[in-house]
Protein backbone atom coordinates (compact mmCIF):
# COMPACT_ATOMS: atom_id res chain seq x y z
CA MET A 1 52.65 -1.36 -56.45
CA ALA A 2 49.93 1.18 -56.02
CA VAL A 3 46.80 1.28 -54.23
CA VAL A 4 43.83 2.41 -55.97
CA ALA A 5 40.30 2.67 -54.79
CA GLY A 6 40.75 -0.25 -52.20
CA CYS A 7 42.13 -2.62 -54.69
CA PHE A 8 46.03 -3.13 -55.48
CA LEU A 9 46.70 -2.35 -59.09
CA LEU A 10 49.58 -3.94 -60.93
CA ALA A 11 51.33 -2.89 -63.95
CA GLY A 12 48.92 -3.25 -67.00
CA GLY A 13 45.86 -2.15 -64.84
CA VAL A 14 45.02 -5.67 -63.73
CA SER A 15 42.91 -5.53 -60.41
CA THR A 16 43.39 -7.92 -57.64
CA VAL A 17 39.87 -8.02 -56.71
CA ALA A 18 38.35 -10.73 -55.23
CA ALA A 19 34.75 -11.63 -54.57
CA CYS A 20 34.38 -11.11 -51.05
CA GLU A 21 31.74 -9.95 -48.82
CA ASP A 22 30.47 -9.55 -45.22
CA ILE A 23 27.91 -11.77 -44.20
CA GLU A 24 26.35 -11.19 -40.43
CA HIS A 25 25.29 -14.34 -39.20
CA ALA A 26 24.28 -15.73 -35.53
CA GLY A 27 25.34 -12.53 -33.88
CA ALA A 28 29.11 -12.50 -35.51
CA ASN A 29 30.39 -10.79 -38.77
CA TYR A 30 31.99 -13.37 -41.10
CA THR A 31 33.96 -12.62 -44.18
CA VAL A 32 33.37 -14.85 -47.23
CA CYS A 33 35.40 -14.83 -50.60
CA THR A 34 33.72 -16.94 -53.42
CA PHE A 35 35.77 -17.86 -56.22
CA ASP A 36 34.76 -20.37 -59.31
CA PRO A 37 37.42 -23.04 -60.39
CA HIS A 38 36.23 -22.80 -63.84
CA THR A 39 37.52 -19.22 -64.27
CA ASP A 40 39.81 -18.76 -61.38
CA SER A 41 43.29 -20.45 -60.58
CA ILE A 42 42.85 -22.16 -57.12
CA ARG A 43 46.11 -23.47 -55.77
CA ILE A 44 47.61 -25.00 -52.35
CA PHE A 45 51.13 -24.50 -51.61
CA ASP A 46 53.28 -25.51 -48.63
CA ARG A 47 56.98 -24.99 -49.72
CA ASP A 48 59.12 -23.52 -52.46
CA PRO A 49 59.93 -25.36 -55.13
CA ILE A 50 63.51 -24.30 -55.59
CA THR A 51 64.63 -24.01 -51.73
CA GLY A 52 62.06 -26.82 -50.61
CA GLN A 53 61.47 -24.53 -47.36
CA PHE A 54 58.09 -24.44 -46.06
CA PHE A 55 56.36 -20.99 -47.01
CA GLY A 56 55.22 -20.08 -43.35
CA SER A 57 53.81 -16.84 -44.52
CA PHE A 58 51.79 -15.32 -47.23
CA ALA A 59 54.54 -12.75 -47.48
CA ASN A 60 57.02 -15.77 -48.56
CA LEU A 61 54.59 -17.39 -50.70
CA SER A 62 53.85 -13.87 -52.67
CA SER A 63 57.46 -13.41 -52.92
CA SER A 64 57.86 -16.96 -54.65
CA LEU A 65 54.90 -16.63 -56.85
CA TRP A 66 56.23 -13.28 -58.07
CA GLY A 67 59.63 -14.81 -59.09
CA ARG A 68 57.05 -17.21 -61.17
CA GLY A 69 55.21 -14.48 -62.97
CA LEU A 70 52.07 -14.77 -60.59
CA PHE A 71 50.72 -12.60 -58.13
CA THR A 72 48.07 -13.57 -55.27
CA ARG A 73 44.70 -12.60 -55.84
CA PHE A 74 43.39 -14.14 -52.40
CA ALA A 75 45.05 -16.57 -49.77
CA MET A 76 43.97 -18.46 -46.79
CA ASN A 77 45.57 -20.96 -44.23
CA GLY A 78 44.73 -24.17 -45.75
CA GLY A 79 44.90 -27.08 -43.12
CA MET A 80 46.72 -28.11 -40.06
CA TYR A 81 50.33 -28.95 -39.71
CA HIS A 82 52.99 -30.08 -37.31
CA ARG A 83 55.66 -27.99 -35.79
CA ASN A 84 57.99 -28.42 -38.73
CA LEU A 85 55.23 -26.90 -41.01
CA SER A 86 54.58 -30.20 -42.61
CA PRO A 87 50.70 -31.07 -43.06
CA VAL A 88 49.00 -33.16 -40.51
CA GLY A 89 47.13 -35.38 -43.26
CA LEU A 90 46.83 -35.43 -47.07
CA TYR A 91 48.68 -32.89 -49.15
CA VAL A 92 48.72 -33.22 -52.94
CA GLU A 93 50.35 -30.30 -54.91
CA TYR A 94 50.15 -30.35 -58.77
CA GLY A 95 49.06 -33.93 -58.86
CA ARG A 96 52.03 -35.17 -56.46
CA GLU A 97 50.85 -36.83 -53.22
CA LEU A 98 53.14 -35.29 -50.63
CA LYS A 99 51.67 -36.63 -47.62
CA ARG A 100 49.36 -39.73 -47.55
CA ILE A 101 45.58 -39.55 -46.02
CA SER A 102 45.33 -39.77 -42.46
CA THR A 103 42.63 -42.46 -41.21
CA GLY A 104 43.68 -43.00 -37.72
CA PHE A 105 42.30 -41.45 -34.60
CA GLY A 106 44.05 -39.04 -32.03
CA TRP A 107 43.47 -35.79 -30.01
CA GLY A 108 42.49 -32.51 -31.28
CA ASN A 109 40.08 -30.87 -34.00
CA PHE A 110 41.68 -32.83 -36.58
CA HIS A 111 40.59 -36.03 -35.39
CA LEU A 112 37.10 -35.07 -34.36
CA LYS A 113 35.53 -37.55 -36.87
CA PRO A 114 34.55 -37.07 -39.50
CA ASN A 115 37.48 -35.22 -40.87
CA GLY A 116 37.75 -34.36 -44.62
CA VAL A 117 39.32 -33.31 -47.56
CA PHE A 118 39.17 -30.05 -49.88
CA TYR A 119 40.59 -30.82 -53.44
CA LEU A 120 40.67 -29.46 -56.74
CA GLN A 121 40.49 -31.62 -59.75
CA GLY A 122 40.64 -30.05 -63.53
CA ASP A 123 37.98 -26.87 -63.27
CA LYS A 124 36.02 -28.66 -60.49
CA ALA A 125 36.41 -28.51 -56.65
CA GLY A 126 34.83 -30.44 -53.84
CA VAL A 127 34.68 -31.31 -50.16
CA LEU A 128 34.31 -34.78 -49.06
CA GLU A 129 34.12 -36.71 -45.46
CA THR A 130 37.66 -38.78 -45.52
CA ASP A 131 36.31 -42.24 -45.83
CA ALA A 132 33.76 -40.81 -48.75
CA TYR A 133 37.06 -39.27 -50.21
CA VAL A 134 39.26 -42.58 -50.23
CA LYS A 135 36.54 -44.99 -51.57
CA SER A 136 35.86 -42.06 -54.58
CA GLY A 137 39.20 -42.77 -56.10
CA ILE A 138 39.35 -39.35 -56.87
CA LYS A 139 42.95 -38.21 -58.27
CA PRO A 140 43.57 -34.57 -57.63
CA ASP A 141 45.52 -31.85 -58.71
CA PHE A 142 45.56 -30.35 -55.29
CA ALA A 143 44.14 -31.53 -51.85
CA THR A 144 44.55 -30.68 -48.32
CA GLN A 145 43.15 -32.60 -45.43
CA SER A 146 41.62 -31.35 -42.10
CA GLY A 147 39.13 -31.57 -39.51
CA PRO A 148 36.26 -31.54 -38.32
CA MET A 149 34.03 -31.50 -41.34
CA LEU A 150 31.58 -28.73 -40.15
CA LEU A 151 28.60 -30.10 -42.71
CA ILE A 152 28.41 -33.76 -44.01
CA ASP A 153 25.45 -33.91 -46.66
CA GLY A 154 23.98 -30.88 -45.24
CA ASN A 155 24.02 -32.11 -41.62
CA VAL A 156 25.79 -30.29 -38.86
CA HIS A 157 28.71 -32.33 -37.55
CA PRO A 158 26.85 -34.55 -34.77
CA ARG A 159 29.37 -33.66 -32.30
CA PHE A 160 28.69 -29.64 -32.50
CA LEU A 161 26.28 -28.25 -29.88
CA PRO A 162 23.98 -25.39 -30.75
CA GLU A 163 25.02 -23.80 -26.55
CA SER A 164 28.70 -25.15 -26.53
CA ASP A 165 30.81 -22.40 -24.43
CA SER A 166 33.79 -23.46 -26.87
CA LEU A 167 34.44 -20.58 -28.90
CA ASN A 168 37.52 -19.48 -30.92
CA ARG A 169 38.26 -17.73 -34.36
CA ARG A 170 37.68 -19.92 -37.16
CA ASN A 171 37.90 -20.23 -40.88
CA GLY A 172 36.98 -22.91 -43.35
CA VAL A 173 35.90 -23.90 -47.00
CA GLY A 174 32.89 -25.38 -48.58
CA VAL A 175 31.53 -25.86 -52.03
CA SER A 176 27.83 -25.00 -53.07
CA ASP A 177 25.78 -26.72 -55.76
CA ASP A 178 26.80 -24.55 -58.04
CA GLY A 179 30.47 -25.48 -57.92
CA LYS A 180 31.56 -22.34 -56.41
CA VAL A 181 34.33 -22.17 -53.62
CA HIS A 182 33.40 -20.33 -50.36
CA PHE A 183 36.27 -19.34 -48.37
CA VAL A 184 35.12 -18.22 -44.63
CA ILE A 185 36.84 -16.42 -41.88
CA VAL A 186 35.52 -15.12 -38.74
CA ASP A 187 37.43 -12.71 -36.35
CA ALA A 188 34.91 -13.13 -33.50
CA LEU A 189 34.80 -16.02 -31.19
CA VAL A 190 32.02 -18.37 -32.25
CA ARG A 191 31.07 -22.03 -31.81
CA PHE A 192 31.33 -24.51 -34.55
CA TYR A 193 27.74 -24.90 -34.74
CA ASP A 194 27.16 -21.46 -35.75
CA PHE A 195 30.18 -21.25 -38.08
CA ALA A 196 28.74 -24.80 -39.73
CA THR A 197 25.05 -23.35 -39.91
CA LEU A 198 26.52 -20.24 -42.02
CA PHE A 199 27.62 -22.43 -44.64
CA ARG A 200 24.38 -24.62 -44.48
CA ASP A 201 21.78 -21.36 -44.35
CA ARG A 202 23.65 -18.78 -45.98
CA LEU A 203 25.72 -19.91 -48.72
CA ASN A 204 24.04 -23.20 -49.96
CA VAL A 205 26.65 -25.63 -49.08
CA LYS A 206 26.00 -29.20 -48.02
CA ASN A 207 29.81 -30.26 -47.25
CA ALA A 208 32.34 -27.90 -45.80
CA LEU A 209 35.19 -28.33 -43.91
CA TYR A 210 36.80 -26.62 -40.94
CA LEU A 211 40.47 -25.39 -41.67
CA ASP A 212 41.80 -23.83 -38.45
CA GLY A 213 41.05 -21.92 -35.15
CA SER A 214 43.33 -19.33 -33.48
CA ILE A 215 45.67 -18.79 -36.24
CA SER A 216 43.16 -18.47 -39.09
CA SER A 217 44.47 -16.05 -41.59
CA VAL A 218 43.61 -14.47 -44.80
CA GLU A 219 45.10 -11.85 -47.39
CA ILE A 220 42.87 -10.11 -49.51
CA PRO A 221 44.16 -7.48 -51.32
CA GLU A 222 41.18 -5.75 -52.58
CA ARG A 223 40.63 -4.86 -48.40
CA ASN A 224 44.47 -4.12 -48.01
CA ARG A 225 44.34 -6.98 -45.66
CA ARG A 226 47.30 -9.54 -45.02
CA ASP A 227 46.93 -11.13 -41.55
CA ASP A 228 50.28 -11.95 -39.93
CA HIS A 229 48.98 -14.96 -37.45
CA SER A 230 52.30 -17.21 -38.96
CA PRO A 231 53.67 -19.54 -39.01
CA LEU A 232 51.23 -21.26 -41.31
CA GLY A 233 51.22 -24.57 -43.03
CA PRO A 234 49.61 -25.19 -46.21
CA ILE A 235 48.26 -22.32 -47.85
CA ILE A 236 45.24 -22.29 -50.38
CA ALA A 237 45.79 -19.47 -52.98
CA VAL A 238 44.10 -17.98 -56.19
CA VAL A 239 46.81 -16.99 -58.48
CA GLU A 240 47.05 -15.11 -61.66
CA LYS A 241 49.56 -14.60 -64.10
CA MET A 242 51.23 -11.08 -64.53
CA PRO A 243 50.08 -9.06 -67.15
């Protein structure tokens, strides 16, 4: 595999270009990668279908996809997980619900209510607060639950403080009114409030979901970037067939 002009090229000249840009917001630099579920194959993975082992890393996922005639255009950690790498909340893959939705209370960011679900259904994607998702009756092709919600119907999560001293690396996902999916990661230490307002003020997103903090990771072949903050739990990836 050769690297040309900052992009990985595969046999046949197919470029793995992702629609990524850098956006400065509230004093920090964010990487935003945007995809259209009408034309881009966005999927969520957590384990190898043959071995049953959790992937745990972008490298392991890429190897498995390669064996199935697919390659990764983009990947990001996609939700919180237990020590054995199993999802904490709802997890749906290819229409199969492998982990039930969590509506209970507990500790940590996942349970900073409201939490929510990122889902893919046909050529549409969405982010919904957990109770709204349950009431919707949606039967997704793929889904992952995480928390907290960053934005709920255009409003910043009520527990976020503009002057909070809780700073961390973060990543999340939101869907704008035009149906496009925006994946965001920041390597700087930022507060939840600023992270949420990036989605609202710069990306025209009304509902956005936090995915994780210190292990926030992304694979962007066009930038020759593959973070190695493994182990990872669920992984959201944009995939394409080999030429």
